[in-house]
Amino acid sequence: MINMVKLPTSKSELFLRVAKGHFATSHSHINYYIDVTTQKTRLSEAKAVAKELVSAYQHNTIVDTVLCLDGTQVIGTCLANELTKDGFTNMNAHKTIYIVTPEYTSGSQIILRDNLAPMVKGKHVLILAASITTGYTIQAAVEAVNYYGGIVAGLSAIFATTHECLGYPVTSIFDPTSLPDYASFDSRDCPLCKAGQHIDALVNSFGYSAL
């Protein structure tokens, strides 16, 4: 059983739930599990996340489509709602925004079926993720947008360890200043493994499974 704690922030409706320990993802080992379940599933928190992220795109960024990774569709819907208000621009004929969830192959590549591909082709696509840390998932998303003829409008996440990824600016609510000792390690060179610390849980975009 991992011990989850809630870290207060300066934003009353936004908080960070984390557990410190030794966690394994498909790409790395990390010393914190960041739980964004309620931000992704609770409407009030999803709205708060969207309002915080949207300020980075007001007046200067065209967004036609939100590509939702890591189960962020509720946030993506709230973000699209904010982006269709006065002061924002999109190029779609119906003046609306598409919210797209991609499909993954067994090799973690992102594909879009023929019925979804037109929502990316020629569109300004905002890529939304729960977190941006190692960059593997974002790289797959950027490659997919480019492959299907879209234009990457920006990268957004609840938590990110960088302000830039693959040459694109990253907008996030929380960063390492919120969690200064956060660290990610290559699984083959993990100091926690070398110290004999057992893995507390396996984690992915759906959540965690304690070991």
C-alpha atoms as a PDB file:
ATOM      1  CA  MET A   1       0.000   0.000   0.000  1.00  0.00           C
ATOM      2  CA  ILE A   2       1.534   3.292  -1.043  1.00  0.00           C
ATOM      3  CA  ASN A   3       1.118   6.392   1.098  1.00  0.00           C
ATOM      4  CA  MET A   4      -0.482   9.203  -0.881  1.00  0.00           C
ATOM      5  CA  VAL A   5      -0.182  12.785   0.347  1.00  0.00           C
ATOM      6  CA  LYS A   6      -1.787  15.962  -0.941  1.00  0.00           C
ATOM      7  CA  LEU A   7       0.540  18.887  -1.574  1.00  0.00           C
ATOM      8  CA  PRO A   8      -1.152  22.290  -1.251  1.00  0.00           C
ATOM      9  CA  THR A   9      -0.581  24.905  -3.934  1.00  0.00           C
ATOM     10  CA  SER A  10      -1.291  28.584  -4.343  1.00  0.00           C
ATOM     11  CA  LYS A  11      -4.339  27.649  -6.438  1.00  0.00           C
ATOM     12  CA  SER A  12      -7.270  26.688  -4.217  1.00  0.00           C
ATOM     13  CA  GLU A  13      -8.872  24.254  -6.670  1.00  0.00           C
ATOM     14  CA  LEU A  14      -5.626  22.642  -7.789  1.00  0.00           C
ATOM     15  CA  PHE A  15      -3.420  20.307  -5.822  1.00  0.00           C
ATOM     16  CA  LEU A  16      -0.850  17.596  -6.353  1.00  0.00           C
ATOM     17  CA  ARG A  17      -1.383  14.112  -4.902  1.00  0.00           C
ATOM     18  CA  VAL A  18       1.883  12.223  -4.740  1.00  0.00           C
ATOM     19  CA  ALA A  19       3.480   9.170  -3.181  1.00  0.00           C
ATOM     20  CA  LYS A  20       7.219   8.908  -2.626  1.00  0.00           C
ATOM     21  CA  GLY A  21       8.905   5.584  -3.255  1.00  0.00           C
ATOM     22  CA  HIS A  22      10.252   3.432  -6.070  1.00  0.00           C
ATOM     23  CA  PHE A  23       7.980   3.113  -9.078  1.00  0.00           C
ATOM     24  CA  ALA A  24       8.417   1.506 -12.481  1.00  0.00           C
ATOM     25  CA  THR A  25       6.928   2.796 -15.724  1.00  0.00           C
ATOM     26  CA  SER A  26       7.333   1.240 -19.166  1.00  0.00           C
ATOM     27  CA  HIS A  27      10.146   3.693 -19.928  1.00  0.00           C
ATOM     28  CA  SER A  28      11.831   4.511 -16.619  1.00  0.00           C
ATOM     29  CA  HIS A  29      11.959   4.257 -12.843  1.00  0.00           C
ATOM     30  CA  ILE A  30      10.755   7.252 -10.818  1.00  0.00           C
ATOM     31  CA  ASN A  31      10.907   8.240  -7.156  1.00  0.00           C
ATOM     32  CA  TYR A  32       7.422   9.784  -7.059  1.00  0.00           C
ATOM     33  CA  TYR A  33       4.079   8.567  -8.298  1.00  0.00           C
ATOM     34  CA  ILE A  34       1.972  11.582  -9.238  1.00  0.00           C
ATOM     35  CA  ASP A  35      -1.734  10.795  -9.030  1.00  0.00           C
ATOM     36  CA  VAL A  36      -3.813  12.938 -11.383  1.00  0.00           C
ATOM     37  CA  THR A  37      -6.884  10.690 -11.268  1.00  0.00           C
ATOM     38  CA  THR A  38      -9.254  13.302  -9.857  1.00  0.00           C
ATOM     39  CA  GLN A  39      -8.010  15.992 -12.241  1.00  0.00           C
ATOM     40  CA  LYS A  40      -8.829  13.635 -15.114  1.00  0.00           C
ATOM     41  CA  THR A  41     -12.191  12.397 -13.830  1.00  0.00           C
ATOM     42  CA  ARG A  42     -13.750  15.029 -11.547  1.00  0.00           C
ATOM     43  CA  LEU A  43     -15.433  17.772 -13.563  1.00  0.00           C
ATOM     44  CA  SER A  44     -14.699  20.630 -11.147  1.00  0.00           C
ATOM     45  CA  GLU A  45     -10.984  19.817 -11.096  1.00  0.00           C
ATOM     46  CA  ALA A  46     -10.838  19.231 -14.850  1.00  0.00           C
ATOM     47  CA  LYS A  47     -12.364  22.688 -15.368  1.00  0.00           C
ATOM     48  CA  ALA A  48      -9.789  24.227 -13.026  1.00  0.00           C
ATOM     49  CA  VAL A  49      -6.942  22.530 -14.909  1.00  0.00           C
ATOM     50  CA  ALA A  50      -8.309  23.724 -18.251  1.00  0.00           C
ATOM     51  CA  LYS A  51      -8.675  27.328 -17.081  1.00  0.00           C
ATOM     52  CA  GLU A  52      -5.105  27.293 -15.807  1.00  0.00           C
ATOM     53  CA  LEU A  53      -3.678  25.866 -19.037  1.00  0.00           C
ATOM     54  CA  VAL A  54      -5.731  27.920 -21.480  1.00  0.00           C
ATOM     55  CA  SER A  55      -4.146  31.265 -20.592  1.00  0.00           C
ATOM     56  CA  ALA A  56      -1.000  30.231 -22.477  1.00  0.00           C
ATOM     57  CA  TYR A  57      -2.940  30.008 -25.737  1.00  0.00           C
ATOM     58  CA  GLN A  58      -5.158  33.072 -25.605  1.00  0.00           C
ATOM     59  CA  HIS A  59      -4.856  35.485 -28.545  1.00  0.00           C
ATOM     60  CA  ASN A  60      -1.671  33.987 -30.033  1.00  0.00           C
ATOM     61  CA  THR A  61      -2.309  30.292 -30.738  1.00  0.00           C
ATOM     62  CA  ILE A  62      -4.731  28.697 -33.188  1.00  0.00           C
ATOM     63  CA  VAL A  63      -6.191  25.420 -31.923  1.00  0.00           C
ATOM     64  CA  ASP A  64      -8.493  23.287 -34.082  1.00  0.00           C
ATOM     65  CA  THR A  65      -8.035  19.911 -32.395  1.00  0.00           C
ATOM     66  CA  VAL A  66      -7.051  18.666 -28.935  1.00  0.00           C
ATOM     67  CA  LEU A  67      -5.252  15.310 -29.028  1.00  0.00           C
ATOM     68  CA  CYS A  68      -5.848  13.744 -25.608  1.00  0.00           C
ATOM     69  CA  LEU A  69      -3.248  11.340 -24.220  1.00  0.00           C
ATOM     70  CA  ASP A  70      -3.191   9.488 -20.886  1.00  0.00           C
ATOM     71  CA  GLY A  71      -6.973   9.558 -20.395  1.00  0.00           C
ATOM     72  CA  THR A  72      -7.235  13.364 -20.393  1.00  0.00           C
ATOM     73  CA  GLN A  73     -10.452  13.543 -22.432  1.00  0.00           C
ATOM     74  CA  VAL A  74     -12.461  15.304 -19.709  1.00  0.00           C
ATOM     75  CA  ILE A  75      -9.770  17.969 -19.356  1.00  0.00           C
ATOM     76  CA  GLY A  76      -9.558  18.154 -23.152  1.00  0.00           C
ATOM     77  CA  THR A  77     -13.293  18.798 -23.367  1.00  0.00           C
ATOM     78  CA  CYS A  78     -13.074  21.559 -20.754  1.00  0.00           C
ATOM     79  CA  LEU A  79     -10.056  22.997 -22.555  1.00  0.00           C
ATOM     80  CA  ALA A  80     -11.925  22.995 -25.860  1.00  0.00           C
ATOM     81  CA  ASN A  81     -14.831  24.770 -24.160  1.00  0.00           C
ATOM     82  CA  GLU A  82     -12.472  27.497 -22.939  1.00  0.00           C
ATOM     83  CA  LEU A  83     -10.783  27.745 -26.346  1.00  0.00           C
ATOM     84  CA  THR A  84     -14.082  28.357 -28.149  1.00  0.00           C
ATOM     85  CA  LYS A  85     -14.878  31.401 -26.041  1.00  0.00           C
ATOM     86  CA  ASP A  86     -14.259  34.947 -27.275  1.00  0.00           C
ATOM     87  CA  GLY A  87     -10.591  35.800 -27.692  1.00  0.00           C
ATOM     88  CA  PHE A  88      -9.549  32.469 -29.205  1.00  0.00           C
ATOM     89  CA  THR A  89      -9.162  31.522 -32.855  1.00  0.00           C
ATOM     90  CA  ASN A  90      -9.678  28.269 -34.736  1.00  0.00           C
ATOM     91  CA  MET A  91      -9.778  27.491 -38.438  1.00  0.00           C
ATOM     92  CA  ASN A  92     -12.585  24.913 -38.440  1.00  0.00           C
ATOM     93  CA  ALA A  93     -15.564  25.641 -40.669  1.00  0.00           C
ATOM     94  CA  HIS A  94     -18.016  25.140 -37.814  1.00  0.00           C
ATOM     95  CA  LYS A  95     -15.929  27.221 -35.381  1.00  0.00           C
ATOM     96  CA  THR A  96     -15.649  24.334 -32.983  1.00  0.00           C
ATOM     97  CA  ILE A  97     -12.806  22.153 -31.715  1.00  0.00           C
ATOM     98  CA  TYR A  98     -12.292  18.442 -32.222  1.00  0.00           C
ATOM     99  CA  ILE A  99     -11.372  16.290 -29.217  1.00  0.00           C
ATOM    100  CA  VAL A 100      -9.502  13.199 -30.358  1.00  0.00           C
ATOM    101  CA  THR A 101      -8.237  10.178 -28.428  1.00  0.00           C
ATOM    102  CA  PRO A 102      -5.621   8.171 -30.337  1.00  0.00           C
ATOM    103  CA  GLU A 103      -5.151   4.433 -30.601  1.00  0.00           C
ATOM    104  CA  TYR A 104      -1.866   2.728 -29.724  1.00  0.00           C
ATOM    105  CA  THR A 105      -0.160  -0.184 -31.454  1.00  0.00           C
ATOM    106  CA  SER A 106       1.622  -2.910 -29.494  1.00  0.00           C
ATOM    107  CA  GLY A 107       4.846  -0.998 -30.162  1.00  0.00           C
ATOM    108  CA  SER A 108       3.441   2.183 -28.532  1.00  0.00           C
ATOM    109  CA  GLN A 109       3.028   3.957 -31.861  1.00  0.00           C
ATOM    110  CA  ILE A 110      -0.002   6.212 -32.209  1.00  0.00           C
ATOM    111  CA  ILE A 111      -2.448   5.625 -35.037  1.00  0.00           C
ATOM    112  CA  LEU A 112      -5.632   7.354 -36.124  1.00  0.00           C
ATOM    113  CA  ARG A 113      -8.352   5.502 -37.995  1.00  0.00           C
ATOM    114  CA  ASP A 114      -9.626   6.884 -41.295  1.00  0.00           C
ATOM    115  CA  ASN A 115     -12.651   8.485 -39.633  1.00  0.00           C
ATOM    116  CA  LEU A 116     -10.446  10.448 -37.177  1.00  0.00           C
ATOM    117  CA  ALA A 117      -7.522  11.350 -39.446  1.00  0.00           C
ATOM    118  CA  PRO A 118      -9.381  14.323 -41.069  1.00  0.00           C
ATOM    119  CA  MET A 119      -9.631  15.896 -37.601  1.00  0.00           C
ATOM    120  CA  VAL A 120      -5.837  16.178 -37.607  1.00  0.00           C
ATOM    121  CA  LYS A 121      -4.930  16.694 -41.267  1.00  0.00           C
ATOM    122  CA  GLY A 122      -4.320  20.384 -41.900  1.00  0.00           C
ATOM    123  CA  LYS A 123      -5.388  21.207 -38.333  1.00  0.00           C
ATOM    124  CA  HIS A 124      -3.558  23.026 -35.549  1.00  0.00           C
ATOM    125  CA  VAL A 125      -3.314  20.308 -32.916  1.00  0.00           C
ATOM    126  CA  LEU A 126      -2.774  20.892 -29.200  1.00  0.00           C
ATOM    127  CA  ILE A 127      -1.335  17.759 -27.578  1.00  0.00           C
ATOM    128  CA  LEU A 128      -2.610  17.247 -24.032  1.00  0.00           C
ATOM    129  CA  ALA A 129      -0.991  14.760 -21.626  1.00  0.00           C
ATOM    130  CA  ALA A 130      -1.264  13.990 -17.930  1.00  0.00           C
ATOM    131  CA  SER A 131       2.500  14.370 -17.561  1.00  0.00           C
ATOM    132  CA  ILE A 132       5.571  15.028 -19.682  1.00  0.00           C
ATOM    133  CA  THR A 133       8.703  13.500 -18.170  1.00  0.00           C
ATOM    134  CA  THR A 134      10.745  11.117 -20.332  1.00  0.00           C
ATOM    135  CA  GLY A 135       9.247  12.496 -23.540  1.00  0.00           C
ATOM    136  CA  TYR A 136       8.586   9.104 -25.161  1.00  0.00           C
ATOM    137  CA  THR A 137       4.808   9.481 -25.293  1.00  0.00           C
ATOM    138  CA  ILE A 138       4.992  13.077 -26.484  1.00  0.00           C
ATOM    139  CA  GLN A 139       7.469  12.116 -29.197  1.00  0.00           C
ATOM    140  CA  ALA A 140       5.036   9.461 -30.444  1.00  0.00           C
ATOM    141  CA  ALA A 141       2.215  12.033 -30.440  1.00  0.00           C
ATOM    142  CA  VAL A 142       4.244  14.662 -32.304  1.00  0.00           C
ATOM    143  CA  GLU A 143       5.303  12.080 -34.885  1.00  0.00           C
ATOM    144  CA  ALA A 144       1.669  11.037 -35.333  1.00  0.00           C
ATOM    145  CA  VAL A 145       0.438  14.609 -35.808  1.00  0.00           C
ATOM    146  CA  ASN A 146       3.150  15.221 -38.401  1.00  0.00           C
ATOM    147  CA  TYR A 147       2.482  11.895 -40.141  1.00  0.00           C
ATOM    148  CA  TYR A 148      -1.239  12.615 -40.451  1.00  0.00           C
ATOM    149  CA  GLY A 149      -0.591  16.085 -41.848  1.00  0.00           C
ATOM    150  CA  GLY A 150      -1.354  18.175 -38.782  1.00  0.00           C
ATOM    151  CA  ILE A 151       0.460  21.139 -37.260  1.00  0.00           C
ATOM    152  CA  VAL A 152       1.558  20.908 -33.625  1.00  0.00           C
ATOM    153  CA  ALA A 153       0.124  23.983 -31.878  1.00  0.00           C
ATOM    154  CA  GLY A 154       1.616  23.226 -28.464  1.00  0.00           C
ATOM    155  CA  LEU A 155       2.160  20.690 -25.701  1.00  0.00           C
ATOM    156  CA  SER A 156       0.200  20.809 -22.435  1.00  0.00           C
ATOM    157  CA  ALA A 157       0.320  18.700 -19.283  1.00  0.00           C
ATOM    158  CA  ILE A 158      -0.713  18.734 -15.654  1.00  0.00           C
ATOM    159  CA  PHE A 159       2.877  17.961 -14.604  1.00  0.00           C
ATOM    160  CA  ALA A 160       6.028  18.369 -16.677  1.00  0.00           C
ATOM    161  CA  THR A 161       9.729  18.228 -15.935  1.00  0.00           C
ATOM    162  CA  THR A 162      10.642  20.482 -18.855  1.00  0.00           C
ATOM    163  CA  HIS A 163       9.490  23.724 -20.464  1.00  0.00           C
ATOM    164  CA  GLU A 164      10.464  22.528 -23.942  1.00  0.00           C
ATOM    165  CA  CYS A 165      10.211  19.177 -25.709  1.00  0.00           C
ATOM    166  CA  LEU A 166      11.238  18.366 -29.288  1.00  0.00           C
ATOM    167  CA  GLY A 167      11.464  22.073 -30.018  1.00  0.00           C
ATOM    168  CA  TYR A 168       7.918  22.839 -28.844  1.00  0.00           C
ATOM    169  CA  PRO A 169       7.074  24.848 -25.709  1.00  0.00           C
ATOM    170  CA  VAL A 170       5.478  22.886 -22.870  1.00  0.00           C
ATOM    171  CA  THR A 171       2.715  24.436 -20.770  1.00  0.00           C
ATOM    172  CA  SER A 172       2.090  22.763 -17.417  1.00  0.00           C
ATOM    173  CA  ILE A 173       0.475  23.582 -14.092  1.00  0.00           C
ATOM    174  CA  PHE A 174       3.074  21.813 -11.983  1.00  0.00           C
ATOM    175  CA  ASP A 175       6.801  21.415 -12.628  1.00  0.00           C
ATOM    176  CA  PRO A 176       9.878  20.374 -10.610  1.00  0.00           C
ATOM    177  CA  THR A 177       9.587  23.508  -8.480  1.00  0.00           C
ATOM    178  CA  SER A 178       6.423  21.889  -7.063  1.00  0.00           C
ATOM    179  CA  LEU A 179       8.338  18.663  -6.405  1.00  0.00           C
ATOM    180  CA  PRO A 180      12.036  19.621  -6.222  1.00  0.00           C
ATOM    181  CA  ASP A 181      13.433  16.143  -5.536  1.00  0.00           C
ATOM    182  CA  TYR A 182      11.476  14.411  -8.315  1.00  0.00           C
ATOM    183  CA  ALA A 183      13.770  12.176 -10.373  1.00  0.00           C
ATOM    184  CA  SER A 184      13.455   9.805 -13.296  1.00  0.00           C
ATOM    185  CA  PHE A 185      16.029   7.104 -14.032  1.00  0.00           C
ATOM    186  CA  ASP A 186      16.811   4.695 -16.833  1.00  0.00           C
ATOM    187  CA  SER A 187      15.611   1.302 -15.615  1.00  0.00           C
ATOM    188  CA  ARG A 188      19.043  -0.174 -16.366  1.00  0.00           C
ATOM    189  CA  ASP A 189      20.830   2.426 -14.267  1.00  0.00           C
ATOM    190  CA  CYS A 190      18.431   3.084 -11.387  1.00  0.00           C
ATOM    191  CA  PRO A 191      20.122   4.076  -8.099  1.00  0.00           C
ATOM    192  CA  LEU A 192      17.098   2.840  -6.145  1.00  0.00           C
ATOM    193  CA  CYS A 193      17.487  -0.622  -7.656  1.00  0.00           C
ATOM    194  CA  LYS A 194      21.229  -0.540  -6.975  1.00  0.00           C
ATOM    195  CA  ALA A 195      20.504   0.343  -3.348  1.00  0.00           C
ATOM    196  CA  GLY A 196      18.250  -2.690  -3.057  1.00  0.00           C
ATOM    197  CA  GLN A 197      15.025  -0.705  -2.640  1.00  0.00           C
ATOM    198  CA  HIS A 198      12.108  -2.812  -3.811  1.00  0.00           C
ATOM    199  CA  ILE A 199       9.656  -1.471  -6.385  1.00  0.00           C
ATOM    200  CA  ASP A 200       6.488  -0.240  -4.681  1.00  0.00           C
ATOM    201  CA  ALA A 201       4.216  -0.244  -7.715  1.00  0.00           C
ATOM    202  CA  LEU A 202       3.972  -0.485 -11.473  1.00  0.00           C
ATOM    203  CA  VAL A 203       2.502   2.709 -12.907  1.00  0.00           C
ATOM    204  CA  ASN A 204       1.080   3.875 -16.211  1.00  0.00           C
ATOM    205  CA  SER A 205      -1.490   6.371 -17.472  1.00  0.00           C
ATOM    206  CA  PHE A 206      -4.320   4.321 -15.928  1.00  0.00           C
ATOM    207  CA  GLY A 207      -2.867   4.400 -12.416  1.00  0.00           C
ATOM    208  CA  TYR A 208      -0.786   2.080 -10.279  1.00  0.00           C
ATOM    209  CA  SER A 209      -0.646  -1.545  -9.200  1.00  0.00           C
ATOM    210  CA  ALA A 210       1.105  -2.050  -5.873  1.00  0.00           C
ATOM    211  CA  LEU A 211       3.572  -4.913  -5.593  1.00  0.00           C
END
